[in-house]
Amino acid sequence: MNMSEQIFAVSGMHCNSCVMGVTEALTALAPVREVSVDLDPKGASTVRVLTDSVLSVEEVHDTLVRAGGDFAVAAG
């Protein structure tokens, strides 16, 4: 399988607890192999996702909402 890295800008993350929640929620998705987050509590944090298939902004947003987050997600 070909793996690809996708980058998303996620606003609304303020602390390491947010980072852990986002990482756990996205890692639970079947195509996701790895997640890394560069936290920016005053703006949009950079979320890098290594996947077996492409994730849409909507999939990422819906996953984070289901996990209890109130985040804005955009393609990075």
PDB file of N, CA and C in Angstrom:
ATOM      1  N   MET A   1       0.829  -1.192   0.000  1.00  0.00           N
ATOM      2  CA  MET A   1       0.000   0.000   0.000  1.00  0.00           C
ATOM      3  C   MET A   1       0.867   1.247   0.000  1.00  0.00           C
ATOM      4  N   ASN A   2       0.396   2.255  -0.682  1.00  0.00           N
ATOM      5  CA  ASN A   2       1.091   3.531  -0.676  1.00  0.00           C
ATOM      6  C   ASN A   2       0.594   4.371   0.482  1.00  0.00           C
ATOM      7  N   MET A   3       1.522   4.864   1.252  1.00  0.00           N
ATOM      8  CA  MET A   3       1.150   5.738   2.356  1.00  0.00           C
ATOM      9  C   MET A   3       1.316   7.174   1.893  1.00  0.00           C
ATOM     10  N   SER A   4       0.459   8.033   2.407  1.00  0.00           N
ATOM     11  CA  SER A   4       0.583   9.443   2.075  1.00  0.00           C
ATOM     12  C   SER A   4       0.476  10.264   3.346  1.00  0.00           C
ATOM     13  N   GLU A   5       1.153  11.412   3.329  1.00  0.00           N
ATOM     14  CA  GLU A   5       1.058  12.333   4.451  1.00  0.00           C
ATOM     15  C   GLU A   5       0.082  13.428   4.086  1.00  0.00           C
ATOM     16  N   GLN A   6      -0.848  13.677   4.978  1.00  0.00           N
ATOM     17  CA  GLN A   6      -1.785  14.775   4.805  1.00  0.00           C
ATOM     18  C   GLN A   6      -1.584  15.744   5.952  1.00  0.00           C
ATOM     19  N   ILE A   7      -1.777  17.007   5.658  1.00  0.00           N
ATOM     20  CA  ILE A   7      -1.609  18.039   6.674  1.00  0.00           C
ATOM     21  C   ILE A   7      -2.913  18.810   6.799  1.00  0.00           C
ATOM     22  N   PHE A   8      -3.344  18.978   8.052  1.00  0.00           N
ATOM     23  CA  PHE A   8      -4.564  19.716   8.355  1.00  0.00           C
ATOM     24  C   PHE A   8      -4.239  20.828   9.340  1.00  0.00           C
ATOM     25  N   ALA A   9      -4.924  21.953   9.192  1.00  0.00           N
ATOM     26  CA  ALA A   9      -4.829  23.052  10.151  1.00  0.00           C
ATOM     27  C   ALA A   9      -6.041  22.935  11.066  1.00  0.00           C
ATOM     28  N   VAL A  10      -5.792  22.775  12.362  1.00  0.00           N
ATOM     29  CA  VAL A  10      -6.876  22.578  13.321  1.00  0.00           C
ATOM     30  C   VAL A  10      -6.847  23.718  14.334  1.00  0.00           C
ATOM     31  N   SER A  11      -7.906  24.516  14.338  1.00  0.00           N
ATOM     32  CA  SER A  11      -8.034  25.620  15.291  1.00  0.00           C
ATOM     33  C   SER A  11      -8.859  25.163  16.481  1.00  0.00           C
ATOM     34  N   GLY A  12      -8.539  25.706  17.645  1.00  0.00           N
ATOM     35  CA  GLY A  12      -9.297  25.394  18.852  1.00  0.00           C
ATOM     36  C   GLY A  12      -8.569  24.474  19.813  1.00  0.00           C
ATOM     37  N   MET A  13      -7.354  24.080  19.461  1.00  0.00           N
ATOM     38  CA  MET A  13      -6.548  23.255  20.364  1.00  0.00           C
ATOM     39  C   MET A  13      -5.742  24.192  21.259  1.00  0.00           C
ATOM     40  N   HIS A  14      -5.861  24.007  22.581  1.00  0.00           N
ATOM     41  CA  HIS A  14      -5.227  24.945  23.499  1.00  0.00           C
ATOM     42  C   HIS A  14      -4.189  24.330  24.427  1.00  0.00           C
ATOM     43  N   CYS A  15      -4.153  22.996  24.523  1.00  0.00           N
ATOM     44  CA  CYS A  15      -3.275  22.383  25.523  1.00  0.00           C
ATOM     45  C   CYS A  15      -2.877  20.968  25.093  1.00  0.00           C
ATOM     46  N   ASN A  16      -2.008  20.358  25.876  1.00  0.00           N
ATOM     47  CA  ASN A  16      -1.560  19.000  25.568  1.00  0.00           C
ATOM     48  C   ASN A  16      -2.685  17.984  25.675  1.00  0.00           C
ATOM     49  N   SER A  17      -3.695  18.268  26.488  1.00  0.00           N
ATOM     50  CA  SER A  17      -4.851  17.382  26.572  1.00  0.00           C
ATOM     51  C   SER A  17      -5.592  17.358  25.232  1.00  0.00           C
ATOM     52  N   CYS A  18      -5.697  18.516  24.593  1.00  0.00           N
ATOM     53  CA  CYS A  18      -6.301  18.594  23.254  1.00  0.00           C
ATOM     54  C   CYS A  18      -5.481  17.775  22.263  1.00  0.00           C
ATOM     55  N   VAL A  19      -4.169  17.901  22.344  1.00  0.00           N
ATOM     56  CA  VAL A  19      -3.280  17.164  21.447  1.00  0.00           C
ATOM     57  C   VAL A  19      -3.500  15.668  21.613  1.00  0.00           C
ATOM     58  N   MET A  20      -3.565  15.203  22.854  1.00  0.00           N
ATOM     59  CA  MET A  20      -3.772  13.771  23.104  1.00  0.00           C
ATOM     60  C   MET A  20      -5.124  13.304  22.569  1.00  0.00           C
ATOM     61  N   GLY A  21      -6.177  14.106  22.779  1.00  0.00           N
ATOM     62  CA  GLY A  21      -7.504  13.734  22.292  1.00  0.00           C
ATOM     63  C   GLY A  21      -7.567  13.649  20.777  1.00  0.00           C
ATOM     64  N   VAL A  22      -6.977  14.631  20.103  1.00  0.00           N
ATOM     65  CA  VAL A  22      -6.949  14.641  18.639  1.00  0.00           C
ATOM     66  C   VAL A  22      -6.136  13.457  18.122  1.00  0.00           C
ATOM     67  N   THR A  23      -4.994  13.222  18.729  1.00  0.00           N
ATOM     68  CA  THR A  23      -4.132  12.111  18.306  1.00  0.00           C
ATOM     69  C   THR A  23      -4.849  10.775  18.470  1.00  0.00           C
ATOM     70  N   GLU A  24      -5.483  10.556  19.613  1.00  0.00           N
ATOM     71  CA  GLU A  24      -6.199   9.297  19.856  1.00  0.00           C
ATOM     72  C   GLU A  24      -7.364   9.122  18.892  1.00  0.00           C
ATOM     73  N   ALA A  25      -8.144  10.192  18.671  1.00  0.00           N
ATOM     74  CA  ALA A  25      -9.313  10.098  17.793  1.00  0.00           C
ATOM     75  C   ALA A  25      -8.906   9.765  16.359  1.00  0.00           C
ATOM     76  N   LEU A  26      -7.879  10.432  15.852  1.00  0.00           N
ATOM     77  CA  LEU A  26      -7.468  10.193  14.468  1.00  0.00           C
ATOM     78  C   LEU A  26      -6.746   8.860  14.311  1.00  0.00           C
ATOM     79  N   THR A  27      -5.972   8.464  15.304  1.00  0.00           N
ATOM     80  CA  THR A  27      -5.270   7.183  15.234  1.00  0.00           C
ATOM     81  C   THR A  27      -6.251   6.018  15.198  1.00  0.00           C
ATOM     82  N   ALA A  28      -7.441   6.207  15.759  1.00  0.00           N
ATOM     83  CA  ALA A  28      -8.456   5.151  15.776  1.00  0.00           C
ATOM     84  C   ALA A  28      -9.076   4.901  14.401  1.00  0.00           C
ATOM     85  N   LEU A  29      -8.905   5.829  13.457  1.00  0.00           N
ATOM     86  CA  LEU A  29      -9.433   5.627  12.103  1.00  0.00           C
ATOM     87  C   LEU A  29      -8.608   4.561  11.389  1.00  0.00           C
ATOM     88  N   ALA A  30      -9.292   3.678  10.673  1.00  0.00           N
ATOM     89  CA  ALA A  30      -8.637   2.529  10.037  1.00  0.00           C
ATOM     90  C   ALA A  30      -7.459   2.890   9.127  1.00  0.00           C
ATOM     91  N   PRO A  31      -7.581   3.894   8.243  1.00  0.00           N
ATOM     92  CA  PRO A  31      -6.452   4.125   7.336  1.00  0.00           C
ATOM     93  C   PRO A  31      -5.276   4.863   7.976  1.00  0.00           C
ATOM     94  N   VAL A  32      -5.453   5.384   9.193  1.00  0.00           N
ATOM     95  CA  VAL A  32      -4.415   6.214   9.810  1.00  0.00           C
ATOM     96  C   VAL A  32      -3.342   5.352  10.455  1.00  0.00           C
ATOM     97  N   ARG A  33      -2.093   5.643  10.129  1.00  0.00           N
ATOM     98  CA  ARG A  33      -0.948   4.912  10.685  1.00  0.00           C
ATOM     99  C   ARG A  33      -0.212   5.719  11.744  1.00  0.00           C
ATOM    100  N   GLU A  34      -0.189   7.034  11.569  1.00  0.00           N
ATOM    101  CA  GLU A  34       0.573   7.879  12.496  1.00  0.00           C
ATOM    102  C   GLU A  34       0.000   9.289  12.489  1.00  0.00           C
ATOM    103  N   VAL A  35       0.016   9.935  13.657  1.00  0.00           N
ATOM    104  CA  VAL A  35      -0.458  11.308  13.791  1.00  0.00           C
ATOM    105  C   VAL A  35       0.585  12.096  14.575  1.00  0.00           C
ATOM    106  N   SER A  36       0.902  13.296  14.105  1.00  0.00           N
ATOM    107  CA  SER A  36       1.754  14.191  14.888  1.00  0.00           C
ATOM    108  C   SER A  36       1.122  15.577  14.877  1.00  0.00           C
ATOM    109  N   VAL A  37       1.266  16.279  15.996  1.00  0.00           N
ATOM    110  CA  VAL A  37       0.630  17.581  16.156  1.00  0.00           C
ATOM    111  C   VAL A  37       1.666  18.606  16.598  1.00  0.00           C
ATOM    112  N   ASP A  38       1.681  19.748  15.909  1.00  0.00           N
ATOM    113  CA  ASP A  38       2.465  20.906  16.335  1.00  0.00           C
ATOM    114  C   ASP A  38       1.469  21.903  16.907  1.00  0.00           C
ATOM    115  N   LEU A  39       1.404  21.980  18.237  1.00  0.00           N
ATOM    116  CA  LEU A  39       0.410  22.796  18.928  1.00  0.00           C
ATOM    117  C   LEU A  39       0.709  24.285  18.787  1.00  0.00           C
ATOM    118  N   ASP A  40      -0.316  25.039  18.407  1.00  0.00           N
ATOM    119  CA  ASP A  40      -0.269  26.501  18.401  1.00  0.00           C
ATOM    120  C   ASP A  40      -1.519  26.972  19.134  1.00  0.00           C
ATOM    121  N   PRO A  41      -1.440  27.192  20.463  1.00  0.00           N
ATOM    122  CA  PRO A  41      -2.628  27.514  21.246  1.00  0.00           C
ATOM    123  C   PRO A  41      -3.285  28.837  20.863  1.00  0.00           C
ATOM    124  N   LYS A  42      -2.583  29.686  20.120  1.00  0.00           N
ATOM    125  CA  LYS A  42      -3.145  30.986  19.751  1.00  0.00           C
ATOM    126  C   LYS A  42      -3.626  31.032  18.309  1.00  0.00           C
ATOM    127  N   GLY A  43      -3.510  29.920  17.598  1.00  0.00           N
ATOM    128  CA  GLY A  43      -3.906  29.905  16.191  1.00  0.00           C
ATOM    129  C   GLY A  43      -4.245  28.500  15.756  1.00  0.00           C
ATOM    130  N   ALA A  44      -3.921  28.190  14.519  1.00  0.00           N
ATOM    131  CA  ALA A  44      -4.207  26.862  13.973  1.00  0.00           C
ATOM    132  C   ALA A  44      -3.010  25.945  14.193  1.00  0.00           C
ATOM    133  N   SER A  45      -3.252  24.833  14.859  1.00  0.00           N
ATOM    134  CA  SER A  45      -2.213  23.825  15.058  1.00  0.00           C
ATOM    135  C   SER A  45      -2.073  23.005  13.785  1.00  0.00           C
ATOM    136  N   THR A  46      -0.875  22.517  13.521  1.00  0.00           N
ATOM    137  CA  THR A  46      -0.618  21.691  12.352  1.00  0.00           C
ATOM    138  C   THR A  46      -0.716  20.226  12.751  1.00  0.00           C
ATOM    139  N   VAL A  47      -1.600  19.498  12.070  1.00  0.00           N
ATOM    140  CA  VAL A  47      -1.788  18.075  12.338  1.00  0.00           C
ATOM    141  C   VAL A  47      -1.360  17.309  11.092  1.00  0.00           C
ATOM    142  N   ARG A  48      -0.334  16.477  11.240  1.00  0.00           N
ATOM    143  CA  ARG A  48       0.159  15.648  10.137  1.00  0.00           C
ATOM    144  C   ARG A  48      -0.348  14.234  10.345  1.00  0.00           C
ATOM    145  N   VAL A  49      -0.931  13.669   9.294  1.00  0.00           N
ATOM    146  CA  VAL A  49      -1.512  12.332   9.370  1.00  0.00           C
ATOM    147  C   VAL A  49      -0.901  11.469   8.271  1.00  0.00           C
ATOM    148  N   LEU A  50      -0.336  10.346   8.646  1.00  0.00           N
ATOM    149  CA  LEU A  50       0.192   9.373   7.698  1.00  0.00           C
ATOM    150  C   LEU A  50      -0.885   8.309   7.510  1.00  0.00           C
ATOM    151  N   THR A  51      -1.381   8.167   6.274  1.00  0.00           N
ATOM    152  CA  THR A  51      -2.522   7.288   6.020  1.00  0.00           C
ATOM    153  C   THR A  51      -2.282   6.358   4.839  1.00  0.00           C
ATOM    154  N   ASP A  52      -3.097   5.292   4.826  1.00  0.00           N
ATOM    155  CA  ASP A  52      -3.108   4.374   3.686  1.00  0.00           C
ATOM    156  C   ASP A  52      -4.033   4.875   2.588  1.00  0.00           C
ATOM    157  N   SER A  53      -4.949   5.777   2.929  1.00  0.00           N
ATOM    158  CA  SER A  53      -5.867   6.353   1.945  1.00  0.00           C
ATOM    159  C   SER A  53      -6.151   7.799   2.334  1.00  0.00           C
ATOM    160  N   VAL A  54      -6.663   8.560   1.397  1.00  0.00           N
ATOM    161  CA  VAL A  54      -6.883   9.986   1.609  1.00  0.00           C
ATOM    162  C   VAL A  54      -8.070  10.223   2.538  1.00  0.00           C
ATOM    163  N   LEU A  55      -7.877  11.121   3.506  1.00  0.00           N
ATOM    164  CA  LEU A  55      -8.952  11.560   4.391  1.00  0.00           C
ATOM    165  C   LEU A  55      -9.421  12.935   3.935  1.00  0.00           C
ATOM    166  N   SER A  56     -10.716  13.164   3.992  1.00  0.00           N
ATOM    167  CA  SER A  56     -11.233  14.483   3.653  1.00  0.00           C
ATOM    168  C   SER A  56     -11.240  15.361   4.904  1.00  0.00           C
ATOM    169  N   VAL A  57     -11.306  16.663   4.690  1.00  0.00           N
ATOM    170  CA  VAL A  57     -11.423  17.601   5.804  1.00  0.00           C
ATOM    171  C   VAL A  57     -12.669  17.260   6.617  1.00  0.00           C
ATOM    172  N   GLU A  58     -13.755  16.893   5.930  1.00  0.00           N
ATOM    173  CA  GLU A  58     -15.001  16.556   6.612  1.00  0.00           C
ATOM    174  C   GLU A  58     -14.839  15.327   7.504  1.00  0.00           C
ATOM    175  N   GLU A  59     -14.131  14.303   7.023  1.00  0.00           N
ATOM    176  CA  GLU A  59     -13.896  13.104   7.832  1.00  0.00           C
ATOM    177  C   GLU A  59     -13.124  13.443   9.104  1.00  0.00           C
ATOM    178  N   VAL A  60     -12.094  14.256   8.960  1.00  0.00           N
ATOM    179  CA  VAL A  60     -11.289  14.642  10.120  1.00  0.00           C
ATOM    180  C   VAL A  60     -12.139  15.455  11.089  1.00  0.00           C
ATOM    181  N   HIS A  61     -12.869  16.441  10.575  1.00  0.00           N
ATOM    182  CA  HIS A  61     -13.715  17.272  11.432  1.00  0.00           C
ATOM    183  C   HIS A  61     -14.750  16.421  12.161  1.00  0.00           C
ATOM    184  N   ASP A  62     -15.465  15.565  11.439  1.00  0.00           N
ATOM    185  CA  ASP A  62     -16.499  14.726  12.053  1.00  0.00           C
ATOM    186  C   ASP A  62     -15.912  13.809  13.118  1.00  0.00           C
ATOM    187  N   THR A  63     -14.734  13.275  12.872  1.00  0.00           N
ATOM    188  CA  THR A  63     -14.069  12.408  13.849  1.00  0.00           C
ATOM    189  C   THR A  63     -13.760  13.178  15.123  1.00  0.00           C
ATOM    190  N   LEU A  64     -13.266  14.396  14.982  1.00  0.00           N
ATOM    191  CA  LEU A  64     -12.928  15.194  16.157  1.00  0.00           C
ATOM    192  C   LEU A  64     -14.172  15.642  16.913  1.00  0.00           C
ATOM    193  N   VAL A  65     -15.254  15.934  16.203  1.00  0.00           N
ATOM    194  CA  VAL A  65     -16.516  16.298  16.859  1.00  0.00           C
ATOM    195  C   VAL A  65     -17.062  15.108  17.644  1.00  0.00           C
ATOM    196  N   ARG A  66     -17.036  13.915  17.035  1.00  0.00           N
ATOM    197  CA  ARG A  66     -17.507  12.709  17.737  1.00  0.00           C
ATOM    198  C   ARG A  66     -16.683  12.425  18.989  1.00  0.00           C
ATOM    199  N   ALA A  67     -15.422  12.822  18.959  1.00  0.00           N
ATOM    200  CA  ALA A  67     -14.544  12.614  20.116  1.00  0.00           C
ATOM    201  C   ALA A  67     -14.744  13.704  21.177  1.00  0.00           C
ATOM    202  N   GLY A  68     -15.635  14.647  20.897  1.00  0.00           N
ATOM    203  CA  GLY A  68     -15.949  15.678  21.878  1.00  0.00           C
ATOM    204  C   GLY A  68     -15.234  16.998  21.676  1.00  0.00           C
ATOM    205  N   GLY A  69     -14.554  17.152  20.563  1.00  0.00           N
ATOM    206  CA  GLY A  69     -13.813  18.387  20.313  1.00  0.00           C
ATOM    207  C   GLY A  69     -14.657  19.438  19.620  1.00  0.00           C
ATOM    208  N   ASP A  70     -14.322  20.684  19.858  1.00  0.00           N
ATOM    209  CA  ASP A  70     -14.970  21.808  19.183  1.00  0.00           C
ATOM    210  C   ASP A  70     -13.887  22.520  18.374  1.00  0.00           C
ATOM    211  N   PHE A  71     -13.511  21.890  17.266  1.00  0.00           N
ATOM    212  CA  PHE A  71     -12.388  22.366  16.473  1.00  0.00           C
ATOM    213  C   PHE A  71     -12.831  22.747  15.069  1.00  0.00           C
ATOM    214  N   ALA A  72     -12.114  23.695  14.477  1.00  0.00           N
ATOM    215  CA  ALA A  72     -12.280  24.014  13.064  1.00  0.00           C
ATOM    216  C   ALA A  72     -11.129  23.337  12.325  1.00  0.00           C
ATOM    217  N   VAL A  73     -11.449  22.691  11.206  1.00  0.00           N
ATOM    218  CA  VAL A  73     -10.445  21.933  10.457  1.00  0.00           C
ATOM    219  C   VAL A  73     -10.392  22.442   9.021  1.00  0.00           C
ATOM    220  N   ALA A  74      -9.190  22.635   8.521  1.00  0.00           N
ATOM    221  CA  ALA A  74      -8.984  23.026   7.122  1.00  0.00           C
ATOM    222  C   ALA A  74      -7.801  22.238   6.576  1.00  0.00           C
ATOM    223  N   ALA A  75      -7.763  22.106   5.266  1.00  0.00           N
ATOM    224  CA  ALA A  75      -6.592  21.477   4.643  1.00  0.00           C
ATOM    225  C   ALA A  75      -5.403  22.388   4.899  1.00  0.00           C
ATOM    226  N   GLY A  76      -4.280  21.793   5.257  1.00  0.00           N
ATOM    227  CA  GLY A  76      -3.108  22.595   5.607  1.00  0.00           C
ATOM    228  C   GLY A  76      -2.173  22.708   4.474  1.00  0.00           C
TER     229      GLY A  76
END
